[in-house]
Structure formats: structure tokens, C-alpha cells
Amino acid sequence: MSSDDFQNPLQRRQPLGGRVGVAVVSIVPIAALILFLVFGFLGGWAWSWIFFLAIPIAGWIVYGLRSPQP
């Protein structure tokens, strides 16, 4: 890890993890849907919606709470 990984996320020029971070953010919605359906059909419809919270959490981790860089 470089020192750029630990700097202020508002000043980061690229996503955390680089291409891997972007891939994770792209895969998380599909994984959340699959987990939602699997756990829902196993009788957990009341709580399976929580998997969808992983989508914004992954975005916050990879991109940080910042506006896009021009």
C-alpha cells in the first residue's frame, strides 16, 4: 500500500483499489440480488432486503464521500 491509500478521500484522484475497486462496485449489486433471492426463498423475506445496503456501502468505501473529479 502506498501513502496515497491513506490520504483524505476528498483529495484522492482515483478509486480506492483502482480497477479492483471498480470491479467490486460493479459486482456488488448482482451479488446483493442473488443473496436477496436465495435467503428470501429460504424463508427470510423479512430480512433479506438488508443485502441491498451493501450497494451504497461498497460505493462509499471505494469512491469515498466526494464529488466526481472533472
PDB file of N, CA and C in Angstrom:
ATOM      1  N   MET A   1       0.834  -1.185   0.000  1.00  0.00           N
ATOM      2  CA  MET A   1       0.000   0.000   0.000  1.00  0.00           C
ATOM      3  C   MET A   1       0.874   1.241   0.000  1.00  0.00           C
ATOM      4  N   SER A   2       0.424   2.191  -0.724  1.00  0.00           N
ATOM      5  CA  SER A   2       1.167   3.442  -0.772  1.00  0.00           C
ATOM      6  C   SER A   2       0.539   4.442   0.188  1.00  0.00           C
ATOM      7  N   SER A   3       1.203   5.549   0.359  1.00  0.00           N
ATOM      8  CA  SER A   3       0.679   6.577   1.253  1.00  0.00           C
ATOM      9  C   SER A   3      -0.563   7.239   0.669  1.00  0.00           C
ATOM     10  N   ASP A   4      -0.782   7.102  -0.658  1.00  0.00           N
ATOM     11  CA  ASP A   4      -1.977   7.679  -1.279  1.00  0.00           C
ATOM     12  C   ASP A   4      -3.254   6.980  -0.811  1.00  0.00           C
ATOM     13  N   ASP A   5      -3.155   5.716  -0.380  1.00  0.00           N
ATOM     14  CA  ASP A   5      -4.329   4.980   0.062  1.00  0.00           C
ATOM     15  C   ASP A   5      -4.885   5.505   1.379  1.00  0.00           C
ATOM     16  N   PHE A   6      -4.049   6.196   2.159  1.00  0.00           N
ATOM     17  CA  PHE A   6      -4.467   6.658   3.471  1.00  0.00           C
ATOM     18  C   PHE A   6      -4.715   8.162   3.541  1.00  0.00           C
ATOM     19  N   GLN A   7      -4.658   8.831   2.419  1.00  0.00           N
ATOM     20  CA  GLN A   7      -4.880  10.265   2.445  1.00  0.00           C
ATOM     21  C   GLN A   7      -6.378  10.579   2.470  1.00  0.00           C
ATOM     22  N   ASN A   8      -6.686  11.829   2.591  1.00  0.00           N
ATOM     23  CA  ASN A   8      -8.068  12.288   2.638  1.00  0.00           C
ATOM     24  C   ASN A   8      -8.823  11.801   1.398  1.00  0.00           C
ATOM     25  N   PRO A   9      -9.965  11.099   1.562  1.00  0.00           N
ATOM     26  CA  PRO A   9     -10.693  10.595   0.391  1.00  0.00           C
ATOM     27  C   PRO A   9     -11.209  11.707  -0.512  1.00  0.00           C
ATOM     28  N   LEU A  10     -11.331  12.922   0.025  1.00  0.00           N
ATOM     29  CA  LEU A  10     -11.781  14.034  -0.811  1.00  0.00           C
ATOM     30  C   LEU A  10     -10.706  14.473  -1.798  1.00  0.00           C
ATOM     31  N   GLN A  11      -9.458  14.111  -1.538  1.00  0.00           N
ATOM     32  CA  GLN A  11      -8.364  14.515  -2.411  1.00  0.00           C
ATOM     33  C   GLN A  11      -7.840  13.368  -3.258  1.00  0.00           C
ATOM     34  N   ARG A  12      -8.416  12.171  -3.111  1.00  0.00           N
ATOM     35  CA  ARG A  12      -7.980  11.013  -3.886  1.00  0.00           C
ATOM     36  C   ARG A  12      -8.333  11.214  -5.347  1.00  0.00           C
ATOM     37  N   ARG A  13      -7.421  10.894  -6.257  1.00  0.00           N
ATOM     38  CA  ARG A  13      -7.636  11.095  -7.681  1.00  0.00           C
ATOM     39  C   ARG A  13      -8.294   9.901  -8.363  1.00  0.00           C
ATOM     40  N   GLN A  14      -8.119   8.701  -7.810  1.00  0.00           N
ATOM     41  CA  GLN A  14      -8.732   7.524  -8.405  1.00  0.00           C
ATOM     42  C   GLN A  14      -9.383   6.693  -7.313  1.00  0.00           C
ATOM     43  N   PRO A  15     -10.255   5.767  -7.704  1.00  0.00           N
ATOM     44  CA  PRO A  15     -10.971   4.974  -6.706  1.00  0.00           C
ATOM     45  C   PRO A  15     -10.027   4.134  -5.851  1.00  0.00           C
ATOM     46  N   LEU A  16     -10.438   3.887  -4.608  1.00  0.00           N
ATOM     47  CA  LEU A  16      -9.668   3.036  -3.712  1.00  0.00           C
ATOM     48  C   LEU A  16      -9.624   1.628  -4.295  1.00  0.00           C
ATOM     49  N   GLY A  17      -8.456   1.085  -4.433  1.00  0.00           N
ATOM     50  CA  GLY A  17      -8.299  -0.241  -5.012  1.00  0.00           C
ATOM     51  C   GLY A  17      -8.131  -0.232  -6.518  1.00  0.00           C
ATOM     52  N   GLY A  18      -8.224   0.928  -7.138  1.00  0.00           N
ATOM     53  CA  GLY A  18      -8.043   1.025  -8.586  1.00  0.00           C
ATOM     54  C   GLY A  18      -9.077   0.226  -9.350  1.00  0.00           C
ATOM     55  N   ARG A  19      -8.613  -0.584 -10.290  1.00  0.00           N
ATOM     56  CA  ARG A  19      -9.514  -1.362 -11.132  1.00  0.00           C
ATOM     57  C   ARG A  19     -10.253  -2.431 -10.341  1.00  0.00           C
ATOM     58  N   VAL A  20      -9.627  -2.962  -9.308  1.00  0.00           N
ATOM     59  CA  VAL A  20     -10.287  -3.970  -8.479  1.00  0.00           C
ATOM     60  C   VAL A  20     -11.460  -3.341  -7.720  1.00  0.00           C
ATOM     61  N   GLY A  21     -11.273  -2.135  -7.216  1.00  0.00           N
ATOM     62  CA  GLY A  21     -12.347  -1.442  -6.523  1.00  0.00           C
ATOM     63  C   GLY A  21     -13.529  -1.168  -7.422  1.00  0.00           C
ATOM     64  N   VAL A  22     -13.255  -0.772  -8.654  1.00  0.00           N
ATOM     65  CA  VAL A  22     -14.332  -0.537  -9.616  1.00  0.00           C
ATOM     66  C   VAL A  22     -15.054  -1.843  -9.928  1.00  0.00           C
ATOM     67  N   ALA A  23     -14.311  -2.939 -10.044  1.00  0.00           N
ATOM     68  CA  ALA A  23     -14.931  -4.246 -10.302  1.00  0.00           C
ATOM     69  C   ALA A  23     -15.811  -4.673  -9.128  1.00  0.00           C
ATOM     70  N   VAL A  24     -15.352  -4.413  -7.918  1.00  0.00           N
ATOM     71  CA  VAL A  24     -16.148  -4.771  -6.734  1.00  0.00           C
ATOM     72  C   VAL A  24     -17.456  -4.004  -6.730  1.00  0.00           C
ATOM     73  N   VAL A  25     -17.399  -2.706  -7.007  1.00  0.00           N
ATOM     74  CA  VAL A  25     -18.612  -1.893  -7.032  1.00  0.00           C
ATOM     75  C   VAL A  25     -19.558  -2.360  -8.139  1.00  0.00           C
ATOM     76  N   SER A  26     -19.016  -2.889  -9.213  1.00  0.00           N
ATOM     77  CA  SER A  26     -19.847  -3.374 -10.308  1.00  0.00           C
ATOM     78  C   SER A  26     -20.502  -4.717  -9.988  1.00  0.00           C
ATOM     79  N   ILE A  27     -19.851  -5.545  -9.186  1.00  0.00           N
ATOM     80  CA  ILE A  27     -20.356  -6.887  -8.895  1.00  0.00           C
ATOM     81  C   ILE A  27     -21.306  -6.907  -7.701  1.00  0.00           C
ATOM     82  N   VAL A  28     -21.164  -5.973  -6.786  1.00  0.00           N
ATOM     83  CA  VAL A  28     -21.967  -5.973  -5.561  1.00  0.00           C
ATOM     84  C   VAL A  28     -23.474  -5.940  -5.828  1.00  0.00           C
ATOM     85  N   PRO A  29     -24.004  -5.159  -6.774  1.00  0.00           N
ATOM     86  CA  PRO A  29     -25.457  -5.198  -6.994  1.00  0.00           C
ATOM     87  C   PRO A  29     -25.966  -6.569  -7.440  1.00  0.00           C
ATOM     88  N   ILE A  30     -25.205  -7.260  -8.262  1.00  0.00           N
ATOM     89  CA  ILE A  30     -25.606  -8.593  -8.713  1.00  0.00           C
ATOM     90  C   ILE A  30     -25.570  -9.571  -7.538  1.00  0.00           C
ATOM     91  N   ALA A  31     -24.510  -9.494  -6.742  1.00  0.00           N
ATOM     92  CA  ALA A  31     -24.400 -10.363  -5.567  1.00  0.00           C
ATOM     93  C   ALA A  31     -25.521 -10.075  -4.572  1.00  0.00           C
ATOM     94  N   ALA A  32     -25.878  -8.802  -4.398  1.00  0.00           N
ATOM     95  CA  ALA A  32     -26.957  -8.447  -3.476  1.00  0.00           C
ATOM     96  C   ALA A  32     -28.286  -9.020  -3.949  1.00  0.00           C
ATOM     97  N   LEU A  33     -28.546  -8.975  -5.236  1.00  0.00           N
ATOM     98  CA  LEU A  33     -29.783  -9.538  -5.779  1.00  0.00           C
ATOM     99  C   LEU A  33     -29.825 -11.047  -5.582  1.00  0.00           C
ATOM    100  N   ILE A  34     -28.714 -11.726  -5.862  1.00  0.00           N
ATOM    101  CA  ILE A  34     -28.665 -13.178  -5.695  1.00  0.00           C
ATOM    102  C   ILE A  34     -28.877 -13.552  -4.234  1.00  0.00           C
ATOM    103  N   LEU A  35     -28.185 -12.864  -3.323  1.00  0.00           N
ATOM    104  CA  LEU A  35     -28.352 -13.156  -1.895  1.00  0.00           C
ATOM    105  C   LEU A  35     -29.777 -12.858  -1.433  1.00  0.00           C
ATOM    106  N   PHE A  36     -30.372 -11.779  -1.924  1.00  0.00           N
ATOM    107  CA  PHE A  36     -31.749 -11.436  -1.597  1.00  0.00           C
ATOM    108  C   PHE A  36     -32.697 -12.559  -1.987  1.00  0.00           C
ATOM    109  N   LEU A  37     -32.550 -13.077  -3.200  1.00  0.00           N
ATOM    110  CA  LEU A  37     -33.435 -14.135  -3.667  1.00  0.00           C
ATOM    111  C   LEU A  37     -33.190 -15.451  -2.935  1.00  0.00           C
ATOM    112  N   VAL A  38     -31.932 -15.805  -2.747  1.00  0.00           N
ATOM    113  CA  VAL A  38     -31.621 -17.071  -2.070  1.00  0.00           C
ATOM    114  C   VAL A  38     -32.165 -17.072  -0.646  1.00  0.00           C
ATOM    115  N   PHE A  39     -31.828 -16.045   0.120  1.00  0.00           N
ATOM    116  CA  PHE A  39     -32.284 -16.011   1.503  1.00  0.00           C
ATOM    117  C   PHE A  39     -33.796 -15.785   1.592  1.00  0.00           C
ATOM    118  N   GLY A  40     -34.359 -15.081   0.624  1.00  0.00           N
ATOM    119  CA  GLY A  40     -35.802 -14.887   0.609  1.00  0.00           C
ATOM    120  C   GLY A  40     -36.555 -16.182   0.389  1.00  0.00           C
ATOM    121  N   PHE A  41     -36.132 -16.967  -0.574  1.00  0.00           N
ATOM    122  CA  PHE A  41     -36.806 -18.237  -0.833  1.00  0.00           C
ATOM    123  C   PHE A  41     -36.564 -19.264   0.266  1.00  0.00           C
ATOM    124  N   LEU A  42     -35.544 -19.049   1.067  1.00  0.00           N
ATOM    125  CA  LEU A  42     -35.308 -19.927   2.213  1.00  0.00           C
ATOM    126  C   LEU A  42     -36.126 -19.493   3.437  1.00  0.00           C
ATOM    127  N   GLY A  43     -36.993 -18.515   3.253  1.00  0.00           N
ATOM    128  CA  GLY A  43     -37.884 -18.081   4.322  1.00  0.00           C
ATOM    129  C   GLY A  43     -37.487 -16.796   5.009  1.00  0.00           C
ATOM    130  N   GLY A  44     -36.537 -16.066   4.472  1.00  0.00           N
ATOM    131  CA  GLY A  44     -36.075 -14.855   5.135  1.00  0.00           C
ATOM    132  C   GLY A  44     -36.440 -13.571   4.412  1.00  0.00           C
ATOM    133  N   TRP A  45     -37.629 -13.491   3.815  1.00  0.00           N
ATOM    134  CA  TRP A  45     -38.016 -12.285   3.072  1.00  0.00           C
ATOM    135  C   TRP A  45     -37.996 -11.038   3.957  1.00  0.00           C
ATOM    136  N   ALA A  46     -38.328 -11.198   5.220  1.00  0.00           N
ATOM    137  CA  ALA A  46     -38.416 -10.039   6.105  1.00  0.00           C
ATOM    138  C   ALA A  46     -37.064  -9.354   6.302  1.00  0.00           C
ATOM    139  N   TRP A  47     -35.972 -10.112   6.210  1.00  0.00           N
ATOM    140  CA  TRP A  47     -34.662  -9.544   6.463  1.00  0.00           C
ATOM    141  C   TRP A  47     -33.731  -9.559   5.259  1.00  0.00           C
ATOM    142  N   SER A  48     -34.100 -10.202   4.182  1.00  0.00           N
ATOM    143  CA  SER A  48     -33.178 -10.341   3.053  1.00  0.00           C
ATOM    144  C   SER A  48     -32.939  -9.018   2.315  1.00  0.00           C
ATOM    145  N   TRP A  49     -33.806  -8.035   2.494  1.00  0.00           N
ATOM    146  CA  TRP A  49     -33.615  -6.736   1.848  1.00  0.00           C
ATOM    147  C   TRP A  49     -32.339  -6.047   2.332  1.00  0.00           C
ATOM    148  N   ILE A  50     -31.824  -6.453   3.481  1.00  0.00           N
ATOM    149  CA  ILE A  50     -30.633  -5.815   4.050  1.00  0.00           C
ATOM    150  C   ILE A  50     -29.422  -5.975   3.138  1.00  0.00           C
ATOM    151  N   PHE A  51     -29.396  -7.012   2.298  1.00  0.00           N
ATOM    152  CA  PHE A  51     -28.275  -7.203   1.387  1.00  0.00           C
ATOM    153  C   PHE A  51     -28.136  -6.026   0.417  1.00  0.00           C
ATOM    154  N   PHE A  52     -29.238  -5.342   0.129  1.00  0.00           N
ATOM    155  CA  PHE A  52     -29.168  -4.202  -0.781  1.00  0.00           C
ATOM    156  C   PHE A  52     -28.425  -3.010  -0.168  1.00  0.00           C
ATOM    157  N   LEU A  53     -28.251  -3.007   1.132  1.00  0.00           N
ATOM    158  CA  LEU A  53     -27.455  -1.948   1.762  1.00  0.00           C
ATOM    159  C   LEU A  53     -25.979  -2.062   1.407  1.00  0.00           C
ATOM    160  N   ALA A  54     -25.553  -3.217   0.935  1.00  0.00           N
ATOM    161  CA  ALA A  54     -24.162  -3.401   0.532  1.00  0.00           C
ATOM    162  C   ALA A  54     -23.813  -2.554  -0.686  1.00  0.00           C
ATOM    163  N   ILE A  55     -24.805  -2.200  -1.499  1.00  0.00           N
ATOM    164  CA  ILE A  55     -24.537  -1.426  -2.720  1.00  0.00           C
ATOM    165  C   ILE A  55     -23.997  -0.034  -2.382  1.00  0.00           C
ATOM    166  N   PRO A  56     -24.697   0.776  -1.589  1.00  0.00           N
ATOM    167  CA  PRO A  56     -24.111   2.094  -1.275  1.00  0.00           C
ATOM    168  C   PRO A  56     -22.882   2.000  -0.380  1.00  0.00           C
ATOM    169  N   ILE A  57     -22.824   0.992   0.485  1.00  0.00           N
ATOM    170  CA  ILE A  57     -21.655   0.852   1.351  1.00  0.00           C
ATOM    171  C   ILE A  57     -20.406   0.590   0.516  1.00  0.00           C
ATOM    172  N   ALA A  58     -20.516  -0.277  -0.494  1.00  0.00           N
ATOM    173  CA  ALA A  58     -19.366  -0.542  -1.371  1.00  0.00           C
ATOM    174  C   ALA A  58     -18.962   0.723  -2.120  1.00  0.00           C
ATOM    175  N   GLY A  59     -19.936   1.494  -2.565  1.00  0.00           N
ATOM    176  CA  GLY A  59     -19.634   2.753  -3.247  1.00  0.00           C
ATOM    177  C   GLY A  59     -18.933   3.743  -2.344  1.00  0.00           C
ATOM    178  N   TRP A  60     -19.374   3.832  -1.094  1.00  0.00           N
ATOM    179  CA  TRP A  60     -18.738   4.755  -0.148  1.00  0.00           C
ATOM    180  C   TRP A  60     -17.309   4.336   0.149  1.00  0.00           C
ATOM    181  N   ILE A  61     -17.081   3.045   0.263  1.00  0.00           N
ATOM    182  CA  ILE A  61     -15.729   2.574   0.566  1.00  0.00           C
ATOM    183  C   ILE A  61     -14.790   2.832  -0.604  1.00  0.00           C
ATOM    184  N   VAL A  62     -15.239   2.524  -1.810  1.00  0.00           N
ATOM    185  CA  VAL A  62     -14.353   2.638  -2.978  1.00  0.00           C
ATOM    186  C   VAL A  62     -14.179   4.080  -3.426  1.00  0.00           C
ATOM    187  N   TYR A  63     -15.270   4.818  -3.500  1.00  0.00           N
ATOM    188  CA  TYR A  63     -15.191   6.178  -4.035  1.00  0.00           C
ATOM    189  C   TYR A  63     -15.112   7.258  -2.966  1.00  0.00           C
ATOM    190  N   GLY A  64     -15.457   6.940  -1.755  1.00  0.00           N
ATOM    191  CA  GLY A  64     -15.459   7.937  -0.696  1.00  0.00           C
ATOM    192  C   GLY A  64     -16.629   8.885  -0.841  1.00  0.00           C
ATOM    193  N   LEU A  65     -16.811   9.715   0.138  1.00  0.00           N
ATOM    194  CA  LEU A  65     -17.896  10.685   0.090  1.00  0.00           C
ATOM    195  C   LEU A  65     -17.388  11.972  -0.553  1.00  0.00           C
ATOM    196  N   ARG A  66     -17.314  11.957  -1.858  1.00  0.00           N
ATOM    197  CA  ARG A  66     -16.773  13.117  -2.583  1.00  0.00           C
ATOM    198  C   ARG A  66     -17.523  13.273  -3.888  1.00  0.00           C
ATOM    199  N   SER A  67     -17.391  14.440  -4.473  1.00  0.00           N
ATOM    200  CA  SER A  67     -17.992  14.675  -5.792  1.00  0.00           C
ATOM    201  C   SER A  67     -17.014  14.180  -6.856  1.00  0.00           C
ATOM    202  N   PRO A  68     -17.511  13.845  -8.034  1.00  0.00           N
ATOM    203  CA  PRO A  68     -16.612  13.342  -9.088  1.00  0.00           C
ATOM    204  C   PRO A  68     -15.590  14.393  -9.519  1.00  0.00           C
ATOM    205  N   GLN A  69     -14.399  13.923  -9.815  1.00  0.00           N
ATOM    206  CA  GLN A  69     -13.330  14.816 -10.304  1.00  0.00           C
ATOM    207  C   GLN A  69     -13.552  15.097 -11.774  1.00  0.00           C
ATOM    208  N   PRO A  70     -13.334  16.342 -12.216  1.00  0.00           N
ATOM    209  CA  PRO A  70     -13.510  16.658 -13.644  1.00  0.00           C
ATOM    210  C   PRO A  70     -12.426  16.041 -14.507  1.00  0.00           C
TER     211      PRO A  70
END
